[in-house]
Amino acid sequence: MNDPEWLRAAFKIVAFSFIQFISLIGGLVIGGLLLGYLERQANRRMIHAFGLKSIYWTAWLGTPVHELSHVLIGLMFHHRVTEVKLLQAVDADGTMGYVRHAYQPSSLYQRIGNFFIGVAPLIGGSLLIACIAAWLVPTGSVLHLERSHMLRLFSFFDLPTWVGLGQAVAENFRNLFSAANFSRPSYWLFLYAALCIASRMSLSTEDIRGAGSGAGALFCLLVVANGLSVLLDPALHTQIMYWIGRFNFLLMVMLSLSIFFSLLVLLISCLLFQVKRYLGH
């Protein structure tokens, strides 16, 4: 190839990689920001009205799930977990649990793992809420979506996939919050568990820092994969986009539930805050 051809090929590889990278992390970033904002607002009202211990009504379950998500994905990426605290009395900086882990910087796989370990509570919490729904609510699981929805893809850069995602989310909510479910005791158990888990899914500063350290390695992997696709097999790029789209679709459907329940926690905290303030006058 002459110089212009190499430049065009390099630009194509970087552009493909950027689109895949944003498609892969975009939902996690947006979901993490929303969950973080909702959790901070709910905590502020509960602590102001009832004191620091009031956050334990959800933290007793949500915090261990948060930390175990870090542990499990850390093990998947062959990190060495050195210390785990699933739940402790909240300290001065608001920490109620933590996970410490070590990895080999020379391993690209383990460096990429830093990203997924950092965002693990978003994935693990959403997946657990979906699994509890499948167990306790007969028609409330992502697994009960129509097959036409289950086969969909999602991309931030493709408007029709946003429409399909909206349809799937709406169907999932209709199934989960149908009137028939409210008469089942197991449904109320699911609601409480979901509130606990969703209220503790936001990422700490340390989580974000860890995810950021692995994001660069993830982007480099995509560049290499797209380079091989351009040079050897154009179908590889299509396969990468397909699996990112499948992952994103299922994640966004599950994450939408987590955001909804986190919003519900905020609404409950606002109501309790107003009641407490009214009774205090």
Protein backbone atom coordinates (compact mmCIF):
# COMPACT_ATOMS: atom_id res chain seq x y z
CA MET A 1 0.00 0.00 0.00
CA ASN A 2 1.10 3.57 -0.60
CA ASP A 3 0.99 6.18 2.17
CA PRO A 4 -2.58 7.44 1.53
CA GLU A 5 -3.88 3.86 1.59
CA TRP A 6 -2.12 3.14 4.88
CA LEU A 7 -3.52 6.33 6.36
CA ARG A 8 -7.04 5.45 5.24
CA ALA A 9 -6.67 1.93 6.63
CA ALA A 10 -5.34 3.24 9.95
CA PHE A 11 -8.17 5.78 10.21
CA LYS A 12 -10.70 3.05 9.45
CA ILE A 13 -9.26 0.81 12.17
CA VAL A 14 -9.27 3.59 14.78
CA ALA A 15 -12.81 4.68 13.79
CA PHE A 16 -14.14 1.11 14.03
CA SER A 17 -12.43 0.68 17.40
CA PHE A 18 -13.81 3.95 18.76
CA ILE A 19 -17.38 3.05 17.74
CA GLN A 20 -17.05 -0.39 19.33
CA PHE A 21 -15.47 1.06 22.46
CA ILE A 22 -18.24 3.63 22.99
CA SER A 23 -20.88 1.03 22.18
CA LEU A 24 -19.40 -1.33 24.76
CA ILE A 25 -18.90 1.10 27.65
CA GLY A 26 -21.57 3.72 26.89
CA GLY A 27 -24.43 1.99 28.67
CA LEU A 28 -22.27 1.27 31.70
CA VAL A 29 -21.07 4.87 31.90
CA ILE A 30 -24.57 6.36 31.61
CA GLY A 31 -26.04 3.79 34.00
CA GLY A 32 -23.24 4.34 36.49
CA LEU A 33 -23.69 8.12 36.45
CA LEU A 34 -27.46 7.84 36.96
CA LEU A 35 -27.17 5.29 39.75
CA GLY A 36 -24.49 7.35 41.47
CA TYR A 37 -26.62 10.49 41.41
CA LEU A 38 -29.73 8.67 42.67
CA GLU A 39 -27.82 6.95 45.48
CA ARG A 40 -26.23 10.19 46.69
CA GLN A 41 -29.55 11.99 46.75
CA ALA A 42 -31.31 9.15 48.60
CA ASN A 43 -28.49 8.80 51.15
CA ARG A 44 -28.42 12.53 51.83
CA ARG A 45 -32.12 12.62 52.70
CA MET A 46 -32.09 9.45 54.80
CA ILE A 47 -29.03 10.51 56.79
CA HIS A 48 -30.36 14.02 57.30
CA ALA A 49 -33.69 12.71 58.58
CA PHE A 50 -32.73 9.58 60.50
CA GLY A 51 -28.96 9.53 60.94
CA LEU A 52 -26.14 7.52 59.40
CA LYS A 53 -27.47 4.12 60.44
CA SER A 54 -30.63 4.61 58.37
CA ILE A 55 -28.85 3.59 55.17
CA TYR A 56 -28.46 0.05 56.51
CA TRP A 57 -32.03 -0.77 55.56
CA THR A 58 -30.72 -1.43 52.06
CA ALA A 59 -26.95 -1.67 52.65
CA TRP A 60 -27.13 -4.96 54.60
CA LEU A 61 -27.83 -6.76 51.31
CA GLY A 62 -26.80 -4.29 48.63
CA THR A 63 -23.23 -3.75 49.86
CA PRO A 64 -22.25 -7.47 49.97
CA VAL A 65 -23.70 -7.90 46.46
CA HIS A 66 -21.65 -4.89 45.32
CA GLU A 67 -18.42 -6.30 46.76
CA LEU A 68 -19.04 -9.89 45.64
CA SER A 69 -19.50 -8.59 42.08
CA HIS A 70 -15.97 -7.20 42.25
CA VAL A 71 -14.68 -10.51 43.60
CA LEU A 72 -16.35 -12.76 41.03
CA ILE A 73 -15.33 -10.72 38.00
CA GLY A 74 -11.86 -10.31 39.48
CA LEU A 75 -11.52 -14.10 39.62
CA MET A 76 -12.82 -14.38 36.05
CA PHE A 77 -9.92 -12.19 34.92
CA HIS A 78 -7.39 -14.13 37.04
CA HIS A 79 -6.77 -11.35 39.54
CA ARG A 80 -5.53 -12.32 42.99
CA VAL A 81 -8.05 -11.19 45.60
CA THR A 82 -6.02 -10.19 48.66
CA GLU A 83 -8.67 -8.81 51.03
CA VAL A 84 -12.48 -8.65 51.13
CA LYS A 85 -14.81 -6.82 53.48
CA LEU A 86 -18.41 -7.49 52.49
CA LEU A 87 -19.98 -5.21 55.11
CA GLN A 88 -18.67 -3.03 57.89
CA ALA A 89 -19.77 -0.07 59.95
CA VAL A 90 -19.71 2.94 57.65
CA ASP A 91 -16.47 4.90 58.07
CA ALA A 92 -15.69 8.61 57.70
CA ASP A 93 -15.60 8.52 53.89
CA GLY A 94 -18.79 6.46 53.58
CA THR A 95 -17.14 3.10 52.90
CA MET A 96 -19.14 0.07 54.01
CA GLY A 97 -17.20 -2.60 52.16
CA TYR A 98 -14.17 -3.05 49.93
CA VAL A 99 -12.18 -5.50 47.83
CA ARG A 100 -8.43 -5.39 47.29
CA HIS A 101 -6.87 -7.30 44.44
CA ALA A 102 -3.57 -7.64 42.59
CA TYR A 103 -2.73 -8.46 38.98
CA GLN A 104 0.18 -8.78 36.57
CA PRO A 105 0.59 -5.52 34.59
CA SER A 106 2.29 -7.49 31.82
CA SER A 107 -0.93 -9.42 31.15
CA LEU A 108 -3.24 -7.65 28.70
CA TYR A 109 -6.12 -9.89 29.78
CA GLN A 110 -5.70 -8.95 33.44
CA ARG A 111 -5.29 -5.26 32.60
CA ILE A 112 -8.55 -5.34 30.62
CA GLY A 113 -10.04 -7.04 33.65
CA ASN A 114 -9.51 -3.83 35.64
CA PHE A 115 -12.25 -2.19 33.59
CA PHE A 116 -14.80 -4.94 34.14
CA ILE A 117 -13.87 -5.29 37.82
CA GLY A 118 -14.43 -1.56 38.27
CA VAL A 119 -17.91 -1.64 36.73
CA ALA A 120 -18.73 -5.08 38.17
CA PRO A 121 -21.49 -3.83 40.54
CA LEU A 122 -23.45 -2.50 37.55
CA ILE A 123 -23.27 -5.86 35.79
CA GLY A 124 -23.53 -8.11 38.85
CA GLY A 125 -26.31 -6.14 40.52
CA SER A 126 -28.41 -5.93 37.37
CA LEU A 127 -27.91 -9.62 36.64
CA LEU A 128 -28.86 -10.62 40.18
CA ILE A 129 -32.05 -8.53 40.10
CA ALA A 130 -32.97 -10.25 36.83
CA CYS A 131 -32.23 -13.69 38.33
CA ILE A 132 -34.29 -12.98 41.47
CA ALA A 133 -37.14 -11.82 39.24
CA ALA A 134 -36.92 -15.07 37.27
CA TRP A 135 -37.06 -17.02 40.55
CA LEU A 136 -39.76 -15.11 42.45
CA VAL A 137 -41.91 -13.51 39.72
CA PRO A 138 -43.46 -15.93 37.19
CA THR A 139 -43.43 -13.53 34.23
CA GLY A 140 -41.10 -10.78 35.43
CA SER A 141 -37.77 -11.90 34.05
CA VAL A 142 -35.80 -10.70 31.06
CA LEU A 143 -36.01 -14.35 30.03
CA HIS A 144 -39.76 -13.94 29.49
CA LEU A 145 -39.37 -11.32 26.77
CA GLU A 146 -40.66 -12.28 23.34
CA ARG A 147 -38.09 -14.13 21.26
CA SER A 148 -38.11 -11.26 18.74
CA HIS A 149 -36.82 -8.97 21.52
CA MET A 150 -34.29 -11.45 22.87
CA LEU A 151 -32.55 -11.57 19.50
CA ARG A 152 -32.20 -7.80 19.18
CA LEU A 153 -28.96 -5.83 19.16
CA PHE A 154 -28.29 -2.38 20.61
CA SER A 155 -25.89 0.30 19.43
CA PHE A 156 -25.58 3.89 20.58
CA PHE A 157 -25.06 4.92 16.96
CA ASP A 158 -28.11 3.19 15.47
CA LEU A 159 -31.49 4.88 16.15
CA PRO A 160 -33.67 1.85 15.25
CA THR A 161 -31.94 -0.19 17.95
CA TRP A 162 -32.96 2.47 20.50
CA VAL A 163 -36.58 1.93 19.43
CA GLY A 164 -36.22 -1.83 19.82
CA LEU A 165 -34.62 -1.38 23.23
CA GLY A 166 -37.48 0.85 24.35
CA GLN A 167 -40.04 -1.75 23.24
CA ALA A 168 -38.22 -4.51 25.13
CA VAL A 169 -37.89 -2.41 28.29
CA ALA A 170 -41.60 -1.51 28.13
CA GLU A 171 -42.56 -5.18 27.72
CA ASN A 172 -40.32 -6.18 30.62
CA PHE A 173 -41.91 -3.57 32.87
CA ARG A 174 -45.43 -4.67 31.86
CA ASN A 175 -44.59 -8.27 32.73
CA LEU A 176 -42.91 -7.39 36.00
CA PHE A 177 -45.49 -4.91 37.29
CA SER A 178 -48.67 -6.64 36.15
CA ALA A 179 -51.53 -6.42 38.66
CA ALA A 180 -51.56 -10.19 39.20
CA ASN A 181 -48.09 -10.10 40.73
CA PHE A 182 -49.04 -7.83 43.63
CA SER A 183 -51.08 -10.58 45.34
CA ARG A 184 -48.03 -12.86 45.67
CA PRO A 185 -45.89 -12.62 48.85
CA SER A 186 -42.84 -13.66 46.82
CA TYR A 187 -43.31 -10.58 44.64
CA TRP A 188 -42.95 -8.25 47.62
CA LEU A 189 -39.82 -10.12 48.66
CA PHE A 190 -38.45 -9.53 45.17
CA LEU A 191 -39.29 -5.82 45.36
CA TYR A 192 -37.44 -5.40 48.64
CA ALA A 193 -34.39 -7.35 47.44
CA ALA A 194 -34.31 -5.30 44.22
CA LEU A 195 -34.48 -2.03 46.19
CA CYS A 196 -31.57 -3.14 48.38
CA ILE A 197 -29.38 -4.22 45.48
CA ALA A 198 -30.12 -1.27 43.18
CA SER A 199 -29.50 1.27 45.95
CA ARG A 200 -25.87 0.08 46.34
CA MET A 201 -24.83 -0.39 42.71
CA SER A 202 -23.18 2.98 42.18
CA LEU A 203 -19.42 3.07 41.67
CA SER A 204 -17.01 4.48 44.22
CA THR A 205 -14.12 6.75 43.26
CA GLU A 206 -11.82 3.74 43.59
CA ASP A 207 -14.09 1.69 41.29
CA ILE A 208 -14.01 4.42 38.64
CA ARG A 209 -10.24 4.77 38.92
CA GLY A 210 -9.80 1.02 38.50
CA ALA A 211 -12.15 0.89 35.51
CA GLY A 212 -10.29 3.78 33.89
CA SER A 213 -6.98 1.94 34.24
CA GLY A 214 -8.36 -0.95 32.20
CA ALA A 215 -10.23 1.09 29.58
CA GLY A 216 -7.06 1.90 27.65
CA ALA A 217 -6.10 -1.77 27.44
CA LEU A 218 -9.61 -2.62 26.24
CA PHE A 219 -9.40 0.00 23.49
CA CYS A 220 -5.98 -1.35 22.42
CA LEU A 221 -7.46 -4.84 22.14
CA LEU A 222 -10.22 -3.52 19.87
CA VAL A 223 -7.63 -1.73 17.71
CA VAL A 224 -5.66 -4.95 17.31
CA ALA A 225 -8.80 -6.97 16.52
CA ASN A 226 -9.95 -4.43 13.92
CA GLY A 227 -6.48 -4.29 12.44
CA LEU A 228 -6.60 -8.04 11.90
CA SER A 229 -10.10 -7.66 10.47
CA VAL A 230 -9.01 -5.05 7.91
CA LEU A 231 -5.89 -6.99 6.94
CA LEU A 232 -7.12 -10.58 7.09
CA ASP A 233 -10.85 -11.09 7.59
CA PRO A 234 -13.46 -8.31 7.26
CA ALA A 235 -16.06 -10.61 8.85
CA LEU A 236 -14.27 -10.31 12.19
CA HIS A 237 -15.42 -6.68 12.57
CA THR A 238 -19.03 -7.75 11.96
CA GLN A 239 -18.73 -10.49 14.58
CA ILE A 240 -17.30 -8.08 17.16
CA MET A 241 -20.13 -5.61 16.57
CA TYR A 242 -22.69 -8.41 16.78
CA TRP A 243 -21.54 -9.65 20.19
CA ILE A 244 -21.17 -6.12 21.55
CA GLY A 245 -24.72 -5.41 20.35
CA ARG A 246 -26.09 -8.56 22.00
CA PHE A 247 -24.28 -7.82 25.27
CA ASN A 248 -25.44 -4.20 25.24
CA PHE A 249 -29.07 -5.06 24.58
CA LEU A 250 -29.41 -7.51 27.46
CA LEU A 251 -27.36 -5.28 29.77
CA MET A 252 -29.45 -2.18 29.00
CA VAL A 253 -32.73 -4.04 29.60
CA MET A 254 -31.46 -5.28 32.97
CA LEU A 255 -29.83 -1.96 33.85
CA SER A 256 -33.11 -0.14 33.21
CA LEU A 257 -34.65 -2.15 36.06
CA SER A 258 -31.79 -1.25 38.38
CA ILE A 259 -32.17 2.44 37.59
CA PHE A 260 -35.92 2.23 38.16
CA PHE A 261 -35.50 0.62 41.59
CA SER A 262 -32.80 3.11 42.54
CA LEU A 263 -35.20 5.90 41.58
CA LEU A 264 -37.86 4.21 43.74
CA VAL A 265 -35.44 4.23 46.69
CA LEU A 266 -34.96 7.97 46.16
CA LEU A 267 -38.72 8.54 46.09
CA ILE A 268 -39.16 6.55 49.31
CA SER A 269 -36.35 8.50 50.97
CA CYS A 270 -37.93 11.81 49.87
CA LEU A 271 -41.28 10.72 51.30
CA LEU A 272 -39.75 9.65 54.62
CA PHE A 273 -37.72 12.85 54.75
CA GLN A 274 -40.84 14.98 54.31
CA VAL A 275 -42.80 12.95 56.90
CA LYS A 276 -39.96 13.28 59.41
CA ARG A 277 -39.66 17.02 58.81
CA TYR A 278 -43.44 17.44 59.15
CA LEU A 279 -43.55 15.50 62.40
CA GLY A 280 -40.56 17.42 63.71
CA HIS A 281 -42.37 20.77 63.55
